[in-house]
C-alpha atoms as a PDB file:
ATOM      1  CA  MET A   1     -42.805 155.489 220.514  1.00  0.00           C
ATOM      2  CA  PHE A   2     -44.831 156.696 223.493  1.00  0.00           C
ATOM      3  CA  ARG A   3     -43.107 157.391 226.785  1.00  0.00           C
ATOM      4  CA  ASN A   4     -46.106 156.527 228.920  1.00  0.00           C
ATOM      5  CA  ARG A   5     -49.730 155.434 228.850  1.00  0.00           C
ATOM      6  CA  SER A   6     -50.968 159.030 229.157  1.00  0.00           C
ATOM      7  CA  GLN A   7     -49.263 160.049 225.910  1.00  0.00           C
ATOM      8  CA  TYR A   8     -50.677 156.986 224.186  1.00  0.00           C
ATOM      9  CA  VAL A   9     -54.231 157.729 225.309  1.00  0.00           C
ATOM     10  CA  ARG A  10     -53.979 161.364 224.171  1.00  0.00           C
ATOM     11  CA  ALA A  11     -52.626 160.348 220.766  1.00  0.00           C
ATOM     12  CA  LEU A  12     -55.386 157.774 220.381  1.00  0.00           C
ATOM     13  CA  PHE A  13     -58.020 160.359 221.256  1.00  0.00           C
ATOM     14  CA  VAL A  14     -56.672 162.784 218.674  1.00  0.00           C
ATOM     15  CA  ALA A  15     -56.723 160.057 216.030  1.00  0.00           C
ATOM     16  CA  PHE A  16     -60.365 159.183 216.779  1.00  0.00           C
ATOM     17  CA  ALA A  17     -61.270 162.859 216.812  1.00  0.00           C
ATOM     18  CA  ILE A  18     -59.837 163.310 213.352  1.00  0.00           C
ATOM     19  CA  VAL A  19     -61.683 160.246 212.036  1.00  0.00           C
ATOM     20  CA  LEU A  20     -64.986 161.290 213.584  1.00  0.00           C
ATOM     21  CA  GLY A  21     -64.600 164.917 212.548  1.00  0.00           C
ATOM     22  CA  ILE A  22     -64.585 166.342 216.073  1.00  0.00           C
ATOM     23  CA  GLY A  23     -63.634 170.032 216.058  1.00  0.00           C
ATOM     24  CA  GLY A  24     -60.045 170.940 216.770  1.00  0.00           C
ATOM     25  CA  TYR A  25     -61.120 173.327 219.511  1.00  0.00           C
ATOM     26  CA  ASN A  26     -62.732 170.475 221.492  1.00  0.00           C
ATOM     27  CA  VAL A  27     -59.622 168.345 221.041  1.00  0.00           C
ATOM     28  CA  TYR A  28     -57.479 171.192 222.311  1.00  0.00           C
ATOM     29  CA  LYS A  29     -59.704 171.729 225.385  1.00  0.00           C
ATOM     30  CA  TYR A  30     -59.624 168.017 226.188  1.00  0.00           C
ATOM     31  CA  LEU A  31     -55.839 167.854 225.954  1.00  0.00           C
ATOM     32  CA  GLU A  32     -55.505 171.017 228.012  1.00  0.00           C
ATOM     33  CA  LEU A  33     -57.656 169.503 230.771  1.00  0.00           C
ATOM     34  CA  GLU A  34     -55.721 166.228 230.691  1.00  0.00           C
ATOM     35  CA  GLN A  35     -52.444 168.085 231.014  1.00  0.00           C
ATOM     36  CA  LEU A  36     -53.827 170.093 233.919  1.00  0.00           C
ATOM     37  CA  LYS A  37     -54.931 166.893 235.673  1.00  0.00           C
ATOM     38  CA  ALA A  38     -51.510 165.350 235.116  1.00  0.00           C
ATOM     39  CA  ARG A  39     -49.754 168.363 236.655  1.00  0.00           C
ATOM     40  CA  ALA A  40     -52.188 168.376 239.583  1.00  0.00           C
ATOM     41  CA  HIS A  41     -51.607 164.672 240.250  1.00  0.00           C
ATOM     42  CA  SER A  42     -47.855 165.234 240.094  1.00  0.00           C
ATOM     43  CA  GLY A  43     -48.159 167.700 242.981  1.00  0.00           C
ATOM     44  CA  LYS A  44     -48.051 171.102 241.272  1.00  0.00           C
ATOM     45  CA  ALA A  45     -49.889 173.455 243.629  1.00  0.00           C
ATOM     46  CA  GLU A  46     -50.853 175.942 240.903  1.00  0.00           C
ATOM     47  CA  ALA A  47     -52.374 173.146 238.804  1.00  0.00           C
ATOM     48  CA  GLN A  48     -54.213 171.749 241.827  1.00  0.00           C
ATOM     49  CA  LEU A  49     -55.737 175.150 242.478  1.00  0.00           C
ATOM     50  CA  LYS A  50     -56.759 175.593 238.834  1.00  0.00           C
ATOM     51  CA  LEU A  51     -58.330 172.137 238.767  1.00  0.00           C
ATOM     52  CA  GLY A  52     -60.169 172.868 242.012  1.00  0.00           C
ATOM     53  CA  LYS A  53     -61.545 176.089 240.527  1.00  0.00           C
ATOM     54  CA  ARG A  54     -62.677 174.190 237.436  1.00  0.00           C
ATOM     55  CA  PHE A  55     -64.642 171.712 239.520  1.00  0.00           C
ATOM     56  CA  PHE A  56     -66.109 174.579 241.543  1.00  0.00           C
ATOM     57  CA  HIS A  57     -67.385 176.459 238.484  1.00  0.00           C
ATOM     58  CA  GLY A  58     -68.005 173.456 236.237  1.00  0.00           C
ATOM     59  CA  ASN A  59     -65.525 174.783 233.688  1.00  0.00           C
ATOM     60  CA  GLY A  60     -64.840 171.933 231.249  1.00  0.00           C
ATOM     61  CA  VAL A  61     -65.815 169.384 233.890  1.00  0.00           C
ATOM     62  CA  GLU A  62     -68.986 168.469 235.748  1.00  0.00           C
ATOM     63  CA  LYS A  63     -69.461 170.785 238.728  1.00  0.00           C
ATOM     64  CA  ASP A  64     -68.392 168.954 241.878  1.00  0.00           C
ATOM     65  CA  TYR A  65     -67.830 170.896 245.110  1.00  0.00           C
ATOM     66  CA  LYS A  66     -66.276 167.933 246.921  1.00  0.00           C
ATOM     67  CA  LYS A  67     -63.636 167.441 244.236  1.00  0.00           C
ATOM     68  CA  SER A  68     -63.120 171.186 244.162  1.00  0.00           C
ATOM     69  CA  ALA A  69     -62.468 171.295 247.908  1.00  0.00           C
ATOM     70  CA  LYS A  70     -60.132 168.286 247.686  1.00  0.00           C
ATOM     71  CA  TRP A  71     -57.873 169.860 245.076  1.00  0.00           C
ATOM     72  CA  ILE A  72     -57.944 173.336 246.609  1.00  0.00           C
ATOM     73  CA  GLN A  73     -57.019 171.842 249.990  1.00  0.00           C
ATOM     74  CA  ARG A  74     -54.039 170.056 248.432  1.00  0.00           C
ATOM     75  CA  ALA A  75     -52.789 173.341 246.986  1.00  0.00           C
ATOM     76  CA  ALA A  76     -53.434 175.110 250.299  1.00  0.00           C
ATOM     77  CA  GLU A  77     -51.400 172.525 252.181  1.00  0.00           C
ATOM     78  CA  GLN A  78     -48.461 173.360 249.914  1.00  0.00           C
ATOM     79  CA  GLY A  79     -48.620 177.006 250.955  1.00  0.00           C
ATOM     80  CA  ASN A  80     -50.464 178.548 248.011  1.00  0.00           C
ATOM     81  CA  ALA A  81     -52.003 181.735 249.465  1.00  0.00           C
ATOM     82  CA  ASP A  82     -54.906 181.913 247.005  1.00  0.00           C
ATOM     83  CA  ALA A  83     -55.753 178.277 247.735  1.00  0.00           C
ATOM     84  CA  GLN A  84     -55.534 178.877 251.486  1.00  0.00           C
ATOM     85  CA  HIS A  85     -57.985 181.748 251.146  1.00  0.00           C
ATOM     86  CA  ARG A  86     -60.371 179.755 248.971  1.00  0.00           C
ATOM     87  CA  PHE A  87     -60.226 176.692 251.203  1.00  0.00           C
ATOM     88  CA  GLY A  88     -60.926 178.870 254.230  1.00  0.00           C
ATOM     89  CA  ARG A  89     -64.030 180.221 252.507  1.00  0.00           C
ATOM     90  CA  LEU A  90     -65.194 176.703 251.628  1.00  0.00           C
ATOM     91  CA  LEU A  91     -64.814 175.657 255.270  1.00  0.00           C
ATOM     92  CA  ALA A  92     -66.629 178.763 256.512  1.00  0.00           C
ATOM     93  CA  ARG A  93     -69.576 178.071 254.219  1.00  0.00           C
ATOM     94  CA  GLY A  94     -69.526 174.286 254.349  1.00  0.00           C
ATOM     95  CA  THR A  95     -69.177 174.035 250.573  1.00  0.00           C
ATOM     96  CA  GLY A  96     -67.771 170.667 249.509  1.00  0.00           C
ATOM     97  CA  VAL A  97     -66.571 170.053 253.066  1.00  0.00           C
ATOM     98  CA  LYS A  98     -68.110 169.928 256.524  1.00  0.00           C
ATOM     99  CA  GLN A  99     -68.564 173.441 257.836  1.00  0.00           C
ATOM    100  CA  ASN A 100     -65.896 174.387 260.355  1.00  0.00           C
ATOM    101  CA  VAL A 101     -65.516 178.107 260.990  1.00  0.00           C
ATOM    102  CA  LYS A 102     -62.672 177.689 263.476  1.00  0.00           C
ATOM    103  CA  ALA A 103     -60.649 175.760 260.894  1.00  0.00           C
ATOM    104  CA  ALA A 104     -61.629 178.371 258.301  1.00  0.00           C
ATOM    105  CA  VAL A 105     -60.090 181.089 260.469  1.00  0.00           C
ATOM    106  CA  VAL A 106     -56.813 179.137 260.617  1.00  0.00           C
ATOM    107  CA  TRP A 107     -56.591 178.925 256.818  1.00  0.00           C
ATOM    108  CA  LEU A 108     -57.656 182.536 256.313  1.00  0.00           C
ATOM    109  CA  GLU A 109     -54.963 183.635 258.752  1.00  0.00           C
ATOM    110  CA  LYS A 110     -52.366 181.585 256.844  1.00  0.00           C
ATOM    111  CA  ALA A 111     -53.370 183.355 253.623  1.00  0.00           C
ATOM    112  CA  SER A 112     -53.392 186.745 255.350  1.00  0.00           C
ATOM    113  CA  LEU A 113     -49.818 186.232 256.537  1.00  0.00           C
ATOM    114  CA  GLN A 114     -48.954 185.978 252.836  1.00  0.00           C
ATOM    115  CA  SER A 115     -50.552 189.385 252.164  1.00  0.00           C
ATOM    116  CA  ASN A 116     -53.823 188.050 250.751  1.00  0.00           C
ATOM    117  CA  HIS A 117     -56.106 191.040 251.405  1.00  0.00           C
ATOM    118  CA  ARG A 118     -59.254 189.099 250.466  1.00  0.00           C
ATOM    119  CA  ALA A 119     -58.542 186.681 253.299  1.00  0.00           C
ATOM    120  CA  MET A 120     -58.128 189.664 255.629  1.00  0.00           C
ATOM    121  CA  THR A 121     -61.534 191.110 254.762  1.00  0.00           C
ATOM    122  CA  ASP A 122     -63.109 187.657 255.121  1.00  0.00           C
ATOM    123  CA  LEU A 123     -61.577 187.399 258.593  1.00  0.00           C
ATOM    124  CA  SER A 124     -63.027 190.803 259.414  1.00  0.00           C
ATOM    125  CA  ASP A 125     -66.475 189.559 258.394  1.00  0.00           C
ATOM    126  CA  VAL A 126     -66.082 186.333 260.409  1.00  0.00           C
ATOM    127  CA  PHE A 127     -65.100 188.156 263.605  1.00  0.00           C
ATOM    128  CA  PHE A 128     -67.770 190.806 263.113  1.00  0.00           C
ATOM    129  CA  VAL A 129     -70.596 188.289 262.690  1.00  0.00           C
ATOM    130  CA  GLY A 130     -69.191 185.727 265.114  1.00  0.00           C
ATOM    131  CA  ASN A 131     -71.013 182.794 263.531  1.00  0.00           C
ATOM    132  CA  GLY A 132     -69.006 179.747 264.604  1.00  0.00           C
ATOM    133  CA  VAL A 133     -66.421 181.745 266.552  1.00  0.00           C
ATOM    134  CA  ALA A 134     -66.647 184.260 269.369  1.00  0.00           C
ATOM    135  CA  PRO A 135     -67.472 187.767 268.058  1.00  0.00           C
ATOM    136  CA  ASN A 136     -64.477 190.081 268.294  1.00  0.00           C
ATOM    137  CA  VAL A 137     -65.110 193.586 266.992  1.00  0.00           C
ATOM    138  CA  ARG A 138     -61.544 194.720 267.655  1.00  0.00           C
ATOM    139  CA  ALA A 139     -60.221 191.873 265.522  1.00  0.00           C
ATOM    140  CA  ALA A 140     -62.831 192.688 262.870  1.00  0.00           C
ATOM    141  CA  PHE A 141     -61.606 196.273 262.713  1.00  0.00           C
ATOM    142  CA  SER A 142     -57.937 195.275 262.817  1.00  0.00           C
ATOM    143  CA  TRP A 143     -58.191 192.880 259.855  1.00  0.00           C
ATOM    144  CA  ALA A 144     -60.117 195.435 257.790  1.00  0.00           C
ATOM    145  CA  ASP A 145     -57.486 198.050 258.612  1.00  0.00           C
ATOM    146  CA  ARG A 146     -54.699 195.693 257.487  1.00  0.00           C
ATOM    147  CA  ALA A 147     -56.516 194.907 254.245  1.00  0.00           C
ATOM    148  CA  SER A 148     -56.993 198.610 253.510  1.00  0.00           C
ATOM    149  CA  GLN A 149     -53.210 198.941 253.193  1.00  0.00           C
ATOM    150  CA  TYR A 150     -53.557 196.983 249.927  1.00  0.00           C
ATOM    151  CA  ARG A 151     -56.219 199.452 248.716  1.00  0.00           C
ATOM    152  CA  SER A 152     -58.935 196.818 249.098  1.00  0.00           C
ATOM    153  CA  THR A 153     -62.335 198.192 248.096  1.00  0.00           C
ATOM    154  CA  ARG A 154     -64.059 195.797 250.486  1.00  0.00           C
ATOM    155  CA  ALA A 155     -61.793 196.919 253.333  1.00  0.00           C
ATOM    156  CA  PHE A 156     -62.634 200.581 252.670  1.00  0.00           C
ATOM    157  CA  GLU A 157     -66.321 199.688 252.852  1.00  0.00           C
ATOM    158  CA  GLN A 158     -65.854 197.741 256.107  1.00  0.00           C
ATOM    159  CA  LEU A 159     -63.936 200.580 257.733  1.00  0.00           C
ATOM    160  CA  ALA A 160     -66.560 203.107 256.674  1.00  0.00           C
ATOM    161  CA  LEU A 161     -69.207 200.982 258.371  1.00  0.00           C
ATOM    162  CA  TYR A 162     -67.089 200.375 261.471  1.00  0.00           C
ATOM    163  CA  TYR A 163     -66.320 204.082 261.953  1.00  0.00           C
ATOM    164  CA  MET A 164     -69.961 204.985 261.305  1.00  0.00           C
ATOM    165  CA  ALA A 165     -71.233 202.551 263.962  1.00  0.00           C
ATOM    166  CA  GLY A 166     -68.254 202.654 266.315  1.00  0.00           C
ATOM    167  CA  VAL A 167     -67.468 198.954 265.836  1.00  0.00           C
ATOM    168  CA  GLY A 168     -64.070 198.077 267.306  1.00  0.00           C
ATOM    169  CA  VAL A 169     -63.057 201.728 267.113  1.00  0.00           C
ATOM    170  CA  LYS A 170     -64.284 205.083 268.401  1.00  0.00           C
ATOM    171  CA  GLN A 171     -67.187 206.393 266.324  1.00  0.00           C
ATOM    172  CA  ASP A 172     -65.994 208.987 263.829  1.00  0.00           C
ATOM    173  CA  TYR A 173     -68.309 210.244 261.071  1.00  0.00           C
ATOM    174  CA  VAL A 174     -65.551 212.154 259.282  1.00  0.00           C
ATOM    175  CA  LYS A 175     -63.389 209.039 258.953  1.00  0.00           C
ATOM    176  CA  ALA A 176     -66.465 207.044 257.969  1.00  0.00           C
ATOM    177  CA  GLN A 177     -67.028 209.456 255.090  1.00  0.00           C
ATOM    178  CA  MET A 178     -63.332 209.391 254.198  1.00  0.00           C
ATOM    179  CA  TYR A 179     -63.349 205.604 253.782  1.00  0.00           C
ATOM    180  CA  ALA A 180     -66.677 205.758 251.960  1.00  0.00           C
ATOM    181  CA  MET A 181     -65.060 208.162 249.491  1.00  0.00           C
ATOM    182  CA  LEU A 182     -62.074 205.852 249.059  1.00  0.00           C
ATOM    183  CA  MET A 183     -64.536 203.023 248.386  1.00  0.00           C
ATOM    184  CA  ASN A 184     -66.406 205.120 245.822  1.00  0.00           C
ATOM    185  CA  ARG A 185     -63.150 206.116 244.148  1.00  0.00           C
ATOM    186  CA  ALA A 186     -62.096 202.464 243.868  1.00  0.00           C
ATOM    187  CA  LYS A 187     -65.513 201.282 242.641  1.00  0.00           C
ATOM    188  CA  TYR A 188     -66.728 204.130 240.459  1.00  0.00           C
ATOM    189  CA  GLY A 189     -63.739 206.400 239.864  1.00  0.00           C
ATOM    190  CA  GLU A 190     -65.198 209.367 241.755  1.00  0.00           C
ATOM    191  CA  TRP A 191     -65.067 210.538 245.361  1.00  0.00           C
ATOM    192  CA  ILE A 192     -68.791 211.081 245.797  1.00  0.00           C
ATOM    193  CA  SER A 193     -71.014 208.791 243.742  1.00  0.00           C
ATOM    194  CA  ASN A 194     -74.761 208.466 243.292  1.00  0.00           C
ATOM    195  CA  LYS A 195     -74.462 205.219 241.299  1.00  0.00           C
ATOM    196  CA  ASN A 196     -75.241 203.094 244.349  1.00  0.00           C
ATOM    197  CA  ARG A 197     -78.772 204.119 245.336  1.00  0.00           C
ATOM    198  CA  SER A 198     -78.661 202.051 248.536  1.00  0.00           C
ATOM    199  CA  ASN A 199     -75.458 203.752 249.636  1.00  0.00           C
ATOM    200  CA  PRO A 200     -75.686 204.279 253.437  1.00  0.00           C
ATOM    201  CA  PHE A 201     -73.000 206.980 253.196  1.00  0.00           C
ATOM    202  CA  GLU A 202     -74.882 209.268 250.804  1.00  0.00           C
ATOM    203  CA  HIS A 203     -73.628 212.728 251.774  1.00  0.00           C
ATOM    204  CA  LYS A 204     -76.925 214.594 251.270  1.00  0.00           C
ATOM    205  CA  LEU A 205     -78.635 212.169 253.658  1.00  0.00           C
ATOM    206  CA  TRP A 206     -75.948 212.690 256.279  1.00  0.00           C
ATOM    207  CA  LEU A 207     -76.137 216.461 255.895  1.00  0.00           C
ATOM    208  CA  GLY A 208     -79.918 216.331 256.173  1.00  0.00           C
ATOM    209  CA  LEU A 209     -79.762 214.242 259.343  1.00  0.00           C
ATOM    210  CA  GLY A 210     -77.168 216.532 260.858  1.00  0.00           C
ATOM    211  CA  LEU A 211     -74.601 213.757 261.166  1.00  0.00           C
ATOM    212  CA  ILE A 212     -71.973 215.833 259.440  1.00  0.00           C
ATOM    213  CA  THR A 213     -71.455 219.446 258.350  1.00  0.00           C
ATOM    214  CA  LYS A 214     -70.362 220.703 254.943  1.00  0.00           C
ATOM    215  CA  GLU A 215     -67.025 221.663 256.472  1.00  0.00           C
ATOM    216  CA  GLN A 216     -66.548 218.159 257.864  1.00  0.00           C
ATOM    217  CA  LEU A 217     -67.513 216.652 254.509  1.00  0.00           C
ATOM    218  CA  SER A 218     -64.853 218.798 252.842  1.00  0.00           C
ATOM    219  CA  GLN A 219     -62.376 217.665 255.485  1.00  0.00           C
ATOM    220  CA  ALA A 220     -63.230 214.028 254.768  1.00  0.00           C
ATOM    221  CA  ARG A 221     -62.631 214.599 251.078  1.00  0.00           C
ATOM    222  CA  ARG A 222     -59.223 216.173 251.704  1.00  0.00           C
ATOM    223  CA  MET A 223     -58.298 213.254 253.943  1.00  0.00           C
ATOM    224  CA  ALA A 224     -59.362 210.784 251.258  1.00  0.00           C
ATOM    225  CA  GLN A 225     -57.386 212.593 248.571  1.00  0.00           C
ATOM    226  CA  ASN A 226     -54.274 212.582 250.752  1.00  0.00           C
ATOM    227  CA  TRP A 227     -54.711 209.013 252.048  1.00  0.00           C
ATOM    228  CA  LYS A 228     -51.777 206.658 251.543  1.00  0.00           C
ATOM    229  CA  PRO A 229     -51.049 203.134 252.842  1.00  0.00           C
ATOM    230  CA  LYS A 230     -49.024 203.071 256.042  1.00  0.00           C
ATOM    231  CA  PRO A 231     -45.263 202.704 255.447  1.00  0.00           C
END
């Protein structure tokens, strides 16, 4: 009647649930989790990643960072870009695994080669801070620039900061404002926004400090409006 022990156990659970009056929703969630575990154990990378995320957030299971890292690593080793990015972050932070920033960079680079822009911006942060690896401001700028081609809000913010401070690139206040405007557009739907009160790119502040003129601010806006990813 039953093809395997797993089917038998699920059927038995459903029968007990009916007898004990357990809600159908809880039965469904249990079966869904069991099916996910079965797919993960059978080697399905997508299921391994989903199970790892469940253990990370405690979604339907007890929160367990070690189990989360184990399953995400398995998916990463199969080439899943999202898993490679997530495992790199776990290694960088030492969450569920021993902290190893150099290994984190390897996994983040693997994900980046598969066009994962979040991995690119994480690499930019790693090379900018240099905690666990040698600081490399040119690499920090380069990874942020690559991520910006995917219209990454975080990349726009990084580039605005890098151009403002001259990090890995020649200081350019007009370009700093251009990327700040692109960031605002992505976050708030408007080129110049006052919704972020701690915004270091607030145009009135820059005008008041003499960092930029009204003409240059207008130029930055035109550049932002005409900005397109590189072909």
